[in-house]
């Protein structure tokens, strides 16, 4: 029965093709394609008209994961993909954008602020994929992250989420008096 067939969430990964951003995009695709329908142009066969295929996926997308780096901020393709998402969201109420900042903490340009400034960003941590994917899955499922729990170290209280608890507890050095 069609009512019982649940539609999988469709995700479009927008990124610049420099080596670092491409590696991050591939890692995100590897994680998310197990649970969602993911478009990443790295899987397209040669000879396909990219603009046509990308346009079809953008029309279907529930979410755009936009990798934000200095190179992507200068990319005409990333800008065009986010513009399409912005215009479509005004009409259809979707897609939502999840900005993932990669080695970039600066301000967005005016055009990027218009397109994605209202969305809460994730800061990429290549040392802790579990942390990133926990946040991505929470954003994609529209669920709240679990509340942080305190670690008490001497007289200091440090709030961290469950997945970070072990990492920070093992590396915590108590302050000298």
N, C-alpha and C. Protein backbone atom coordinates (compact mmCIF):
# COMPACT_ATOMS: atom_id res chain seq x y z
N UNK A 1 0.84 -1.18 0.00
CA UNK A 1 0.00 0.00 0.00
C UNK A 1 0.89 1.24 0.00
N UNK A 2 0.56 2.25 -0.83
CA UNK A 2 1.39 3.44 -0.96
C UNK A 2 1.45 4.25 0.32
N UNK A 3 0.38 4.25 1.11
CA UNK A 3 0.39 4.99 2.37
C UNK A 3 1.40 4.44 3.35
N UNK A 4 1.69 3.14 3.21
CA UNK A 4 2.63 2.51 4.13
C UNK A 4 4.07 2.70 3.68
N UNK A 5 4.28 3.08 2.42
CA UNK A 5 5.63 3.33 1.93
C UNK A 5 6.04 4.74 2.36
N UNK A 6 7.03 4.79 3.17
CA UNK A 6 7.47 6.08 3.71
C UNK A 6 8.50 6.69 2.77
N UNK A 7 8.29 7.95 2.42
CA UNK A 7 9.22 8.66 1.55
C UNK A 7 10.51 8.95 2.30
N UNK A 8 11.63 8.60 1.68
CA UNK A 8 12.92 8.91 2.29
C UNK A 8 13.23 10.38 2.07
N UNK A 9 13.83 10.99 3.06
CA UNK A 9 14.26 12.38 2.97
C UNK A 9 15.31 12.51 1.88
N UNK A 10 15.18 13.57 1.07
CA UNK A 10 16.12 13.82 -0.03
C UNK A 10 17.06 14.96 0.37
N UNK A 11 18.35 14.70 0.20
CA UNK A 11 19.40 15.66 0.59
C UNK A 11 20.26 15.96 -0.63
N UNK A 12 20.57 17.24 -0.80
CA UNK A 12 21.46 17.70 -1.86
C UNK A 12 22.69 18.28 -1.18
N UNK A 13 23.89 17.78 -1.51
CA UNK A 13 25.12 18.30 -0.92
C UNK A 13 25.72 19.31 -1.89
N UNK A 14 25.83 20.56 -1.42
CA UNK A 14 26.39 21.66 -2.22
C UNK A 14 27.78 21.98 -1.67
N UNK A 15 28.78 21.97 -2.56
CA UNK A 15 30.16 22.18 -2.09
C UNK A 15 31.05 22.62 -3.24
N UNK A 16 32.21 23.13 -2.92
CA UNK A 16 33.22 23.47 -3.91
C UNK A 16 34.07 22.23 -4.18
N UNK A 17 34.65 22.13 -5.36
CA UNK A 17 35.37 20.92 -5.73
C UNK A 17 36.85 20.93 -5.37
N UNK A 18 37.27 21.80 -4.45
CA UNK A 18 38.65 21.70 -3.99
C UNK A 18 38.80 20.38 -3.22
N UNK A 19 40.02 19.94 -3.03
CA UNK A 19 40.25 18.60 -2.47
C UNK A 19 39.65 18.43 -1.08
N UNK A 20 39.85 19.40 -0.21
CA UNK A 20 39.36 19.26 1.17
C UNK A 20 37.83 19.22 1.22
N UNK A 21 37.18 20.16 0.55
CA UNK A 21 35.71 20.17 0.55
C UNK A 21 35.15 18.91 -0.09
N UNK A 22 35.78 18.43 -1.16
CA UNK A 22 35.33 17.20 -1.82
C UNK A 22 35.43 16.00 -0.89
N UNK A 23 36.51 15.94 -0.11
CA UNK A 23 36.67 14.84 0.85
C UNK A 23 35.61 14.90 1.95
N UNK A 24 35.33 16.10 2.44
CA UNK A 24 34.30 16.25 3.47
C UNK A 24 32.93 15.86 2.90
N UNK A 25 32.64 16.32 1.68
CA UNK A 25 31.36 15.99 1.04
C UNK A 25 31.21 14.47 0.87
N UNK A 26 32.29 13.82 0.46
CA UNK A 26 32.24 12.36 0.28
C UNK A 26 32.01 11.65 1.61
N UNK A 27 32.62 12.15 2.67
CA UNK A 27 32.45 11.53 4.00
C UNK A 27 31.02 11.71 4.50
N UNK A 28 30.44 12.88 4.28
CA UNK A 28 29.05 13.13 4.66
C UNK A 28 28.12 12.24 3.84
N UNK A 29 28.37 12.14 2.55
CA UNK A 29 27.58 11.26 1.68
C UNK A 29 27.65 9.82 2.17
N UNK A 30 28.83 9.35 2.49
CA UNK A 30 29.01 7.97 2.97
C UNK A 30 28.16 7.71 4.20
N UNK A 31 28.12 8.65 5.12
CA UNK A 31 27.33 8.48 6.35
C UNK A 31 25.83 8.58 6.07
N UNK A 32 25.41 9.60 5.34
CA UNK A 32 23.98 9.88 5.21
C UNK A 32 23.27 9.00 4.19
N UNK A 33 23.97 8.52 3.17
CA UNK A 33 23.28 7.73 2.14
C UNK A 33 22.77 6.39 2.67
N UNK A 34 23.19 6.01 3.86
CA UNK A 34 22.64 4.81 4.49
C UNK A 34 21.19 5.02 4.95
N UNK A 35 20.83 6.29 5.20
CA UNK A 35 19.52 6.60 5.78
C UNK A 35 18.64 7.49 4.89
N UNK A 36 19.25 8.17 3.93
CA UNK A 36 18.55 9.17 3.13
C UNK A 36 18.90 9.00 1.66
N UNK A 37 18.09 9.62 0.78
CA UNK A 37 18.44 9.72 -0.64
C UNK A 37 19.32 10.96 -0.79
N UNK A 38 20.58 10.75 -1.15
CA UNK A 38 21.56 11.84 -1.17
C UNK A 38 22.06 12.07 -2.59
N UNK A 39 22.07 13.35 -3.00
CA UNK A 39 22.70 13.72 -4.26
C UNK A 39 24.07 14.31 -3.98
N UNK A 40 25.07 13.72 -4.60
CA UNK A 40 26.41 14.28 -4.63
C UNK A 40 26.92 14.04 -6.04
N UNK A 41 27.43 15.07 -6.66
CA UNK A 41 27.80 14.95 -8.07
C UNK A 41 28.98 14.01 -8.31
N UNK A 42 29.67 13.60 -7.27
CA UNK A 42 30.79 12.67 -7.43
C UNK A 42 30.34 11.32 -7.99
N UNK A 43 29.05 11.00 -7.87
CA UNK A 43 28.55 9.72 -8.37
C UNK A 43 28.02 9.79 -9.80
N UNK A 44 28.01 10.97 -10.40
CA UNK A 44 27.47 11.11 -11.75
C UNK A 44 28.42 10.50 -12.78
N UNK A 45 27.88 9.80 -13.76
CA UNK A 45 28.74 9.24 -14.81
C UNK A 45 29.20 10.34 -15.78
N UNK A 46 30.30 10.11 -16.47
CA UNK A 46 30.77 11.09 -17.45
C UNK A 46 29.72 11.30 -18.55
N UNK A 47 29.66 12.52 -19.05
CA UNK A 47 28.76 12.83 -20.15
C UNK A 47 27.38 13.30 -19.74
N UNK A 48 27.05 13.18 -18.47
CA UNK A 48 25.75 13.64 -17.99
C UNK A 48 25.77 15.17 -17.92
N UNK A 49 24.66 15.80 -18.27
CA UNK A 49 24.56 17.25 -18.18
C UNK A 49 24.27 17.60 -16.72
N UNK A 50 25.32 18.06 -16.03
CA UNK A 50 25.23 18.31 -14.60
C UNK A 50 24.07 19.24 -14.24
N UNK A 51 23.93 20.35 -14.96
CA UNK A 51 22.90 21.33 -14.61
C UNK A 51 21.50 20.72 -14.61
N UNK A 52 21.22 19.83 -15.56
CA UNK A 52 19.89 19.20 -15.64
C UNK A 52 19.66 18.26 -14.46
N UNK A 53 20.66 17.43 -14.17
CA UNK A 53 20.52 16.47 -13.07
C UNK A 53 20.44 17.21 -11.74
N UNK A 54 21.30 18.20 -11.54
CA UNK A 54 21.28 18.97 -10.29
C UNK A 54 19.94 19.66 -10.10
N UNK A 55 19.40 20.23 -11.18
CA UNK A 55 18.10 20.91 -11.09
C UNK A 55 16.99 19.96 -10.63
N UNK A 56 16.99 18.75 -11.18
CA UNK A 56 15.97 17.76 -10.78
C UNK A 56 16.12 17.39 -9.30
N UNK A 57 17.34 17.18 -8.84
CA UNK A 57 17.56 16.85 -7.43
C UNK A 57 17.22 18.04 -6.53
N UNK A 58 17.56 19.24 -6.95
CA UNK A 58 17.21 20.42 -6.15
C UNK A 58 15.69 20.55 -6.01
N UNK A 59 14.93 20.23 -7.06
CA UNK A 59 13.47 20.28 -6.98
C UNK A 59 12.93 19.27 -5.98
N UNK A 60 13.59 18.13 -5.83
CA UNK A 60 13.14 17.07 -4.91
C UNK A 60 13.66 17.25 -3.49
N UNK A 61 14.69 18.08 -3.32
CA UNK A 61 15.41 18.14 -2.04
C UNK A 61 14.54 18.66 -0.89
N UNK A 62 14.65 17.94 0.23
CA UNK A 62 14.06 18.40 1.49
C UNK A 62 15.08 19.24 2.26
N UNK A 63 16.36 18.92 2.06
CA UNK A 63 17.46 19.61 2.74
C UNK A 63 18.61 19.82 1.76
N UNK A 64 19.29 20.94 1.94
CA UNK A 64 20.56 21.20 1.27
C UNK A 64 21.61 21.23 2.38
N UNK A 65 22.63 20.40 2.26
CA UNK A 65 23.77 20.52 3.16
C UNK A 65 24.80 21.33 2.39
N UNK A 66 25.03 22.56 2.84
CA UNK A 66 25.93 23.49 2.16
C UNK A 66 27.25 23.55 2.90
N UNK A 67 28.31 23.07 2.26
CA UNK A 67 29.63 23.12 2.87
C UNK A 67 30.18 24.52 2.62
N UNK A 68 30.42 25.25 3.71
CA UNK A 68 30.84 26.64 3.63
C UNK A 68 32.34 26.74 3.94
N UNK A 69 33.09 27.12 2.91
CA UNK A 69 34.53 27.32 3.04
C UNK A 69 34.86 28.59 2.25
N UNK A 70 36.06 29.11 2.38
CA UNK A 70 36.41 30.28 1.55
C UNK A 70 36.21 30.00 0.05
N UNK A 71 36.51 28.79 -0.38
CA UNK A 71 36.36 28.45 -1.80
C UNK A 71 34.89 28.36 -2.21
N UNK A 72 34.03 27.80 -1.35
CA UNK A 72 32.62 27.68 -1.72
C UNK A 72 31.93 29.04 -1.74
N UNK A 73 32.40 29.97 -0.91
CA UNK A 73 31.82 31.31 -0.92
C UNK A 73 32.09 32.03 -2.24
N UNK A 74 33.13 31.60 -2.96
CA UNK A 74 33.47 32.19 -4.25
C UNK A 74 32.95 31.37 -5.43
N UNK A 75 32.26 30.27 -5.15
CA UNK A 75 31.80 29.36 -6.20
C UNK A 75 30.47 29.82 -6.79
N UNK A 76 30.43 29.95 -8.10
CA UNK A 76 29.18 30.31 -8.77
C UNK A 76 28.15 29.19 -8.66
N UNK A 77 28.60 27.93 -8.70
CA UNK A 77 27.67 26.80 -8.59
C UNK A 77 27.03 26.75 -7.21
N UNK A 78 27.83 26.89 -6.15
CA UNK A 78 27.27 26.87 -4.79
C UNK A 78 26.27 28.01 -4.63
N UNK A 79 26.63 29.19 -5.11
CA UNK A 79 25.72 30.34 -5.03
C UNK A 79 24.42 30.06 -5.78
N UNK A 80 24.52 29.50 -6.98
CA UNK A 80 23.32 29.20 -7.77
C UNK A 80 22.45 28.15 -7.08
N UNK A 81 23.07 27.14 -6.51
CA UNK A 81 22.30 26.08 -5.82
C UNK A 81 21.58 26.66 -4.60
N UNK A 82 22.25 27.53 -3.86
CA UNK A 82 21.60 28.13 -2.68
C UNK A 82 20.54 29.15 -3.07
N UNK A 83 20.74 29.83 -4.18
CA UNK A 83 19.71 30.74 -4.67
C UNK A 83 18.46 29.95 -5.06
N UNK A 84 18.64 28.83 -5.75
CA UNK A 84 17.52 27.98 -6.13
C UNK A 84 16.78 27.50 -4.88
N UNK A 85 17.52 27.06 -3.87
CA UNK A 85 16.90 26.60 -2.62
C UNK A 85 16.13 27.73 -1.95
N UNK A 86 16.70 28.93 -1.95
CA UNK A 86 16.06 30.09 -1.32
C UNK A 86 14.74 30.41 -2.02
N UNK A 87 14.77 30.48 -3.36
CA UNK A 87 13.56 30.81 -4.12
C UNK A 87 12.50 29.73 -3.95
N UNK A 88 12.91 28.47 -3.98
CA UNK A 88 11.97 27.36 -3.82
C UNK A 88 11.35 27.37 -2.41
N UNK A 89 12.17 27.69 -1.39
CA UNK A 89 11.65 27.68 -0.02
C UNK A 89 10.60 28.77 0.20
N UNK A 90 10.70 29.87 -0.54
CA UNK A 90 9.69 30.92 -0.42
C UNK A 90 8.34 30.45 -0.94
N UNK A 91 8.35 29.56 -1.92
CA UNK A 91 7.11 29.07 -2.54
C UNK A 91 6.61 27.79 -1.86
N UNK A 92 7.51 26.83 -1.65
CA UNK A 92 7.13 25.50 -1.17
C UNK A 92 7.39 25.27 0.32
N UNK A 93 8.15 26.17 0.95
CA UNK A 93 8.48 25.96 2.36
C UNK A 93 9.62 24.98 2.57
N UNK A 94 10.26 24.56 1.51
CA UNK A 94 11.41 23.67 1.57
C UNK A 94 12.25 23.94 0.34
N UNK A 95 13.48 23.61 0.33
CA UNK A 95 14.25 22.85 1.32
C UNK A 95 14.80 23.75 2.42
N UNK A 96 15.13 23.12 3.53
CA UNK A 96 15.89 23.80 4.58
C UNK A 96 17.37 23.62 4.25
N UNK A 97 18.18 24.53 4.74
CA UNK A 97 19.62 24.47 4.50
C UNK A 97 20.32 24.22 5.82
N UNK A 98 21.26 23.29 5.80
CA UNK A 98 22.12 23.06 6.96
C UNK A 98 23.52 23.47 6.54
N UNK A 99 23.96 24.69 6.95
CA UNK A 99 25.31 25.11 6.61
C UNK A 99 26.33 24.37 7.48
N UNK A 100 27.36 23.84 6.85
CA UNK A 100 28.46 23.19 7.57
C UNK A 100 29.71 24.02 7.27
N UNK A 101 30.19 24.72 8.26
CA UNK A 101 31.35 25.60 8.07
C UNK A 101 32.63 24.77 8.15
N UNK A 102 33.44 24.83 7.09
CA UNK A 102 34.69 24.08 7.00
C UNK A 102 35.84 25.08 6.95
N UNK A 103 36.63 25.13 8.00
CA UNK A 103 37.78 26.04 8.03
C UNK A 103 37.38 27.47 7.69
N UNK A 104 36.20 27.87 8.11
CA UNK A 104 35.74 29.24 7.85
C UNK A 104 34.86 29.68 9.00
N UNK A 105 35.29 30.75 9.67
CA UNK A 105 34.51 31.29 10.78
C UNK A 105 34.10 32.73 10.54
N UNK A 106 34.46 33.27 9.38
CA UNK A 106 34.17 34.66 9.08
C UNK A 106 32.71 34.91 8.76
N UNK A 107 32.39 36.16 8.47
CA UNK A 107 31.00 36.50 8.13
C UNK A 107 30.66 36.04 6.72
N UNK A 108 29.38 35.85 6.49
CA UNK A 108 28.90 35.55 5.15
C UNK A 108 28.87 36.85 4.34
N UNK A 109 29.00 36.72 3.02
CA UNK A 109 28.78 37.87 2.15
C UNK A 109 27.29 38.21 2.22
N UNK A 110 26.94 39.36 1.69
CA UNK A 110 25.54 39.80 1.72
C UNK A 110 24.62 38.77 1.05
N UNK A 111 25.02 38.25 -0.10
CA UNK A 111 24.16 37.29 -0.82
C UNK A 111 24.01 36.00 -0.03
N UNK A 112 25.10 35.52 0.59
CA UNK A 112 25.01 34.29 1.39
C UNK A 112 24.18 34.52 2.66
N UNK A 113 24.28 35.71 3.25
CA UNK A 113 23.44 36.01 4.42
C UNK A 113 21.97 35.94 4.03
N UNK A 114 21.64 36.45 2.84
CA UNK A 114 20.25 36.40 2.39
C UNK A 114 19.78 34.96 2.20
N UNK A 115 20.64 34.13 1.63
CA UNK A 115 20.25 32.76 1.31
C UNK A 115 20.28 31.82 2.51
N UNK A 116 21.29 31.92 3.36
CA UNK A 116 21.43 30.92 4.43
C UNK A 116 21.64 31.50 5.83
N UNK A 117 21.62 32.83 5.95
CA UNK A 117 21.91 33.46 7.24
C UNK A 117 20.95 33.09 8.35
N UNK A 118 19.74 32.70 8.00
CA UNK A 118 18.74 32.37 9.03
C UNK A 118 18.89 30.96 9.58
N UNK A 119 19.72 30.14 8.95
CA UNK A 119 19.89 28.75 9.38
C UNK A 119 21.07 28.61 10.33
N UNK A 120 20.87 27.84 11.37
CA UNK A 120 21.94 27.56 12.34
C UNK A 120 22.99 26.67 11.67
N UNK A 121 24.26 27.04 11.83
CA UNK A 121 25.35 26.32 11.18
C UNK A 121 26.00 25.31 12.12
N UNK A 122 26.66 24.35 11.51
CA UNK A 122 27.49 23.38 12.22
C UNK A 122 28.93 23.70 11.84
N UNK A 123 29.82 23.64 12.81
CA UNK A 123 31.24 23.85 12.54
C UNK A 123 31.91 22.49 12.42
N UNK A 124 32.51 22.21 11.25
CA UNK A 124 33.14 20.93 10.96
C UNK A 124 34.30 20.69 11.90
N UNK A 125 34.35 19.50 12.45
CA UNK A 125 35.45 19.05 13.30
C UNK A 125 35.95 17.73 12.74
N UNK A 126 37.04 17.77 11.97
CA UNK A 126 37.52 16.56 11.32
C UNK A 126 38.08 15.55 12.31
N UNK A 127 38.20 15.93 13.58
CA UNK A 127 38.68 15.01 14.60
C UNK A 127 37.54 14.26 15.29
N UNK A 128 36.29 14.69 15.03
CA UNK A 128 35.17 14.08 15.74
C UNK A 128 33.96 13.96 14.81
N UNK A 129 33.98 12.95 13.95
CA UNK A 129 32.88 12.73 13.03
C UNK A 129 31.58 12.40 13.77
N UNK A 130 31.67 11.69 14.87
CA UNK A 130 30.46 11.31 15.62
C UNK A 130 29.69 12.55 16.03
N UNK A 131 30.39 13.57 16.48
CA UNK A 131 29.76 14.82 16.91
C UNK A 131 29.03 15.47 15.73
N UNK A 132 29.71 15.54 14.57
CA UNK A 132 29.11 16.15 13.39
C UNK A 132 27.87 15.38 12.95
N UNK A 133 27.99 14.06 12.84
CA UNK A 133 26.87 13.27 12.35
C UNK A 133 25.71 13.27 13.32
N UNK A 134 25.98 13.33 14.62
CA UNK A 134 24.90 13.45 15.60
C UNK A 134 24.09 14.72 15.32
N UNK A 135 24.77 15.82 15.04
CA UNK A 135 24.09 17.08 14.75
C UNK A 135 23.38 17.06 13.40
N UNK A 136 24.02 16.48 12.40
CA UNK A 136 23.37 16.39 11.10
C UNK A 136 22.09 15.55 11.17
N UNK A 137 22.17 14.39 11.82
CA UNK A 137 20.98 13.54 11.94
C UNK A 137 19.88 14.24 12.73
N UNK A 138 20.25 14.99 13.77
CA UNK A 138 19.25 15.73 14.54
C UNK A 138 18.59 16.80 13.67
N UNK A 139 19.38 17.51 12.88
CA UNK A 139 18.83 18.53 11.99
C UNK A 139 17.94 17.94 10.92
N UNK A 140 18.36 16.83 10.35
CA UNK A 140 17.58 16.19 9.29
C UNK A 140 16.29 15.58 9.80
N UNK A 141 16.28 15.15 11.05
CA UNK A 141 15.06 14.56 11.62
C UNK A 141 14.25 15.60 12.39
N UNK A 142 14.77 16.84 12.42
CA UNK A 142 14.10 17.94 13.13
C UNK A 142 13.89 17.62 14.61
N UNK A 143 14.88 16.95 15.20
CA UNK A 143 14.80 16.60 16.62
C UNK A 143 15.82 17.41 17.41
N UNK A 144 15.47 17.68 18.65
CA UNK A 144 16.39 18.38 19.54
C UNK A 144 17.55 17.45 19.91
N UNK A 145 18.71 18.05 20.07
CA UNK A 145 19.84 17.28 20.58
C UNK A 145 19.63 17.03 22.07
N UNK A 146 20.17 15.93 22.59
CA UNK A 146 20.03 15.70 24.03
C UNK A 146 20.72 16.81 24.81
N UNK A 147 20.18 17.10 25.98
CA UNK A 147 20.76 18.14 26.83
C UNK A 147 22.16 17.74 27.26
N UNK A 148 23.01 18.74 27.39
CA UNK A 148 24.37 18.49 27.84
C UNK A 148 24.34 18.09 29.31
N UNK A 149 25.27 17.23 29.69
CA UNK A 149 25.38 16.80 31.08
C UNK A 149 26.70 17.30 31.63
N UNK A 150 26.71 17.71 32.89
CA UNK A 150 27.95 18.29 33.43
C UNK A 150 28.99 17.23 33.77
N UNK A 151 30.25 17.63 33.55
CA UNK A 151 31.38 16.88 34.08
C UNK A 151 31.94 17.77 35.18
N UNK A 152 32.08 17.25 36.36
CA UNK A 152 32.62 18.03 37.46
C UNK A 152 34.09 17.68 37.61
N UNK A 153 34.94 18.68 37.43
CA UNK A 153 36.39 18.49 37.52
C UNK A 153 36.92 19.51 38.51
N UNK A 154 37.24 19.06 39.68
CA UNK A 154 37.69 19.99 40.71
C UNK A 154 36.56 20.92 41.05
N UNK A 155 36.78 22.21 40.91
CA UNK A 155 35.74 23.19 41.21
C UNK A 155 35.03 23.67 39.96
N UNK A 156 35.40 23.14 38.79
CA UNK A 156 34.80 23.58 37.53
C UNK A 156 33.73 22.59 37.08
N UNK A 157 32.69 23.11 36.46
CA UNK A 157 31.66 22.28 35.85
C UNK A 157 31.71 22.55 34.35
N UNK A 158 31.82 21.49 33.58
CA UNK A 158 31.91 21.60 32.12
C UNK A 158 30.69 20.89 31.54
N UNK A 159 29.90 21.62 30.73
CA UNK A 159 28.74 21.01 30.09
C UNK A 159 29.13 20.46 28.73
N UNK A 160 28.89 19.17 28.53
CA UNK A 160 29.16 18.54 27.24
C UNK A 160 28.07 17.52 26.95
N UNK A 161 27.84 17.27 25.67
CA UNK A 161 26.89 16.23 25.28
C UNK A 161 27.49 14.86 25.50
N UNK A 162 26.65 13.85 25.49
CA UNK A 162 27.10 12.48 25.75
C UNK A 162 28.24 12.04 24.84
N UNK A 163 28.16 12.36 23.55
CA UNK A 163 29.20 11.88 22.63
C UNK A 163 30.53 12.58 22.86
N UNK A 164 30.49 13.77 23.44
CA UNK A 164 31.74 14.48 23.70
C UNK A 164 32.28 14.23 25.10
N UNK A 165 31.46 13.67 25.95
CA UNK A 165 31.83 13.49 27.35
C UNK A 165 33.16 12.76 27.49
N UNK A 166 33.30 11.64 26.87
CA UNK A 166 34.53 10.85 27.00
C UNK A 166 35.71 11.60 26.43
N UNK A 167 35.53 12.19 25.25
CA UNK A 167 36.64 12.90 24.61
C UNK A 167 37.19 14.00 25.51
N UNK A 168 36.30 14.84 26.06
CA UNK A 168 36.77 15.94 26.88
C UNK A 168 37.23 15.48 28.26
N UNK A 169 36.57 14.49 28.81
CA UNK A 169 36.96 14.00 30.13
C UNK A 169 38.38 13.42 30.08
N UNK A 170 38.69 12.72 28.99
CA UNK A 170 40.02 12.11 28.88
C UNK A 170 41.12 13.12 28.61
N UNK A 171 40.76 14.28 28.04
CA UNK A 171 41.78 15.26 27.71
C UNK A 171 41.79 16.44 28.67
N UNK A 172 40.89 16.46 29.64
CA UNK A 172 40.80 17.59 30.55
C UNK A 172 42.02 17.64 31.48
N UNK A 173 42.56 18.83 31.59
CA UNK A 173 43.66 19.06 32.52
C UNK A 173 43.17 20.10 33.50
N UNK A 174 43.20 19.75 34.77
CA UNK A 174 42.71 20.67 35.79
C UNK A 174 43.60 21.91 35.84
N UNK A 175 43.01 23.09 36.07
CA UNK A 175 43.82 24.32 36.14
C UNK A 175 44.73 24.30 37.36
N UNK A 176 45.88 24.94 37.20
CA UNK A 176 46.82 25.05 38.33
C UNK A 176 46.33 26.14 39.26
N UNK A 177 46.62 25.95 40.52
CA UNK A 177 46.21 26.98 41.49
C UNK A 177 47.31 27.95 41.74
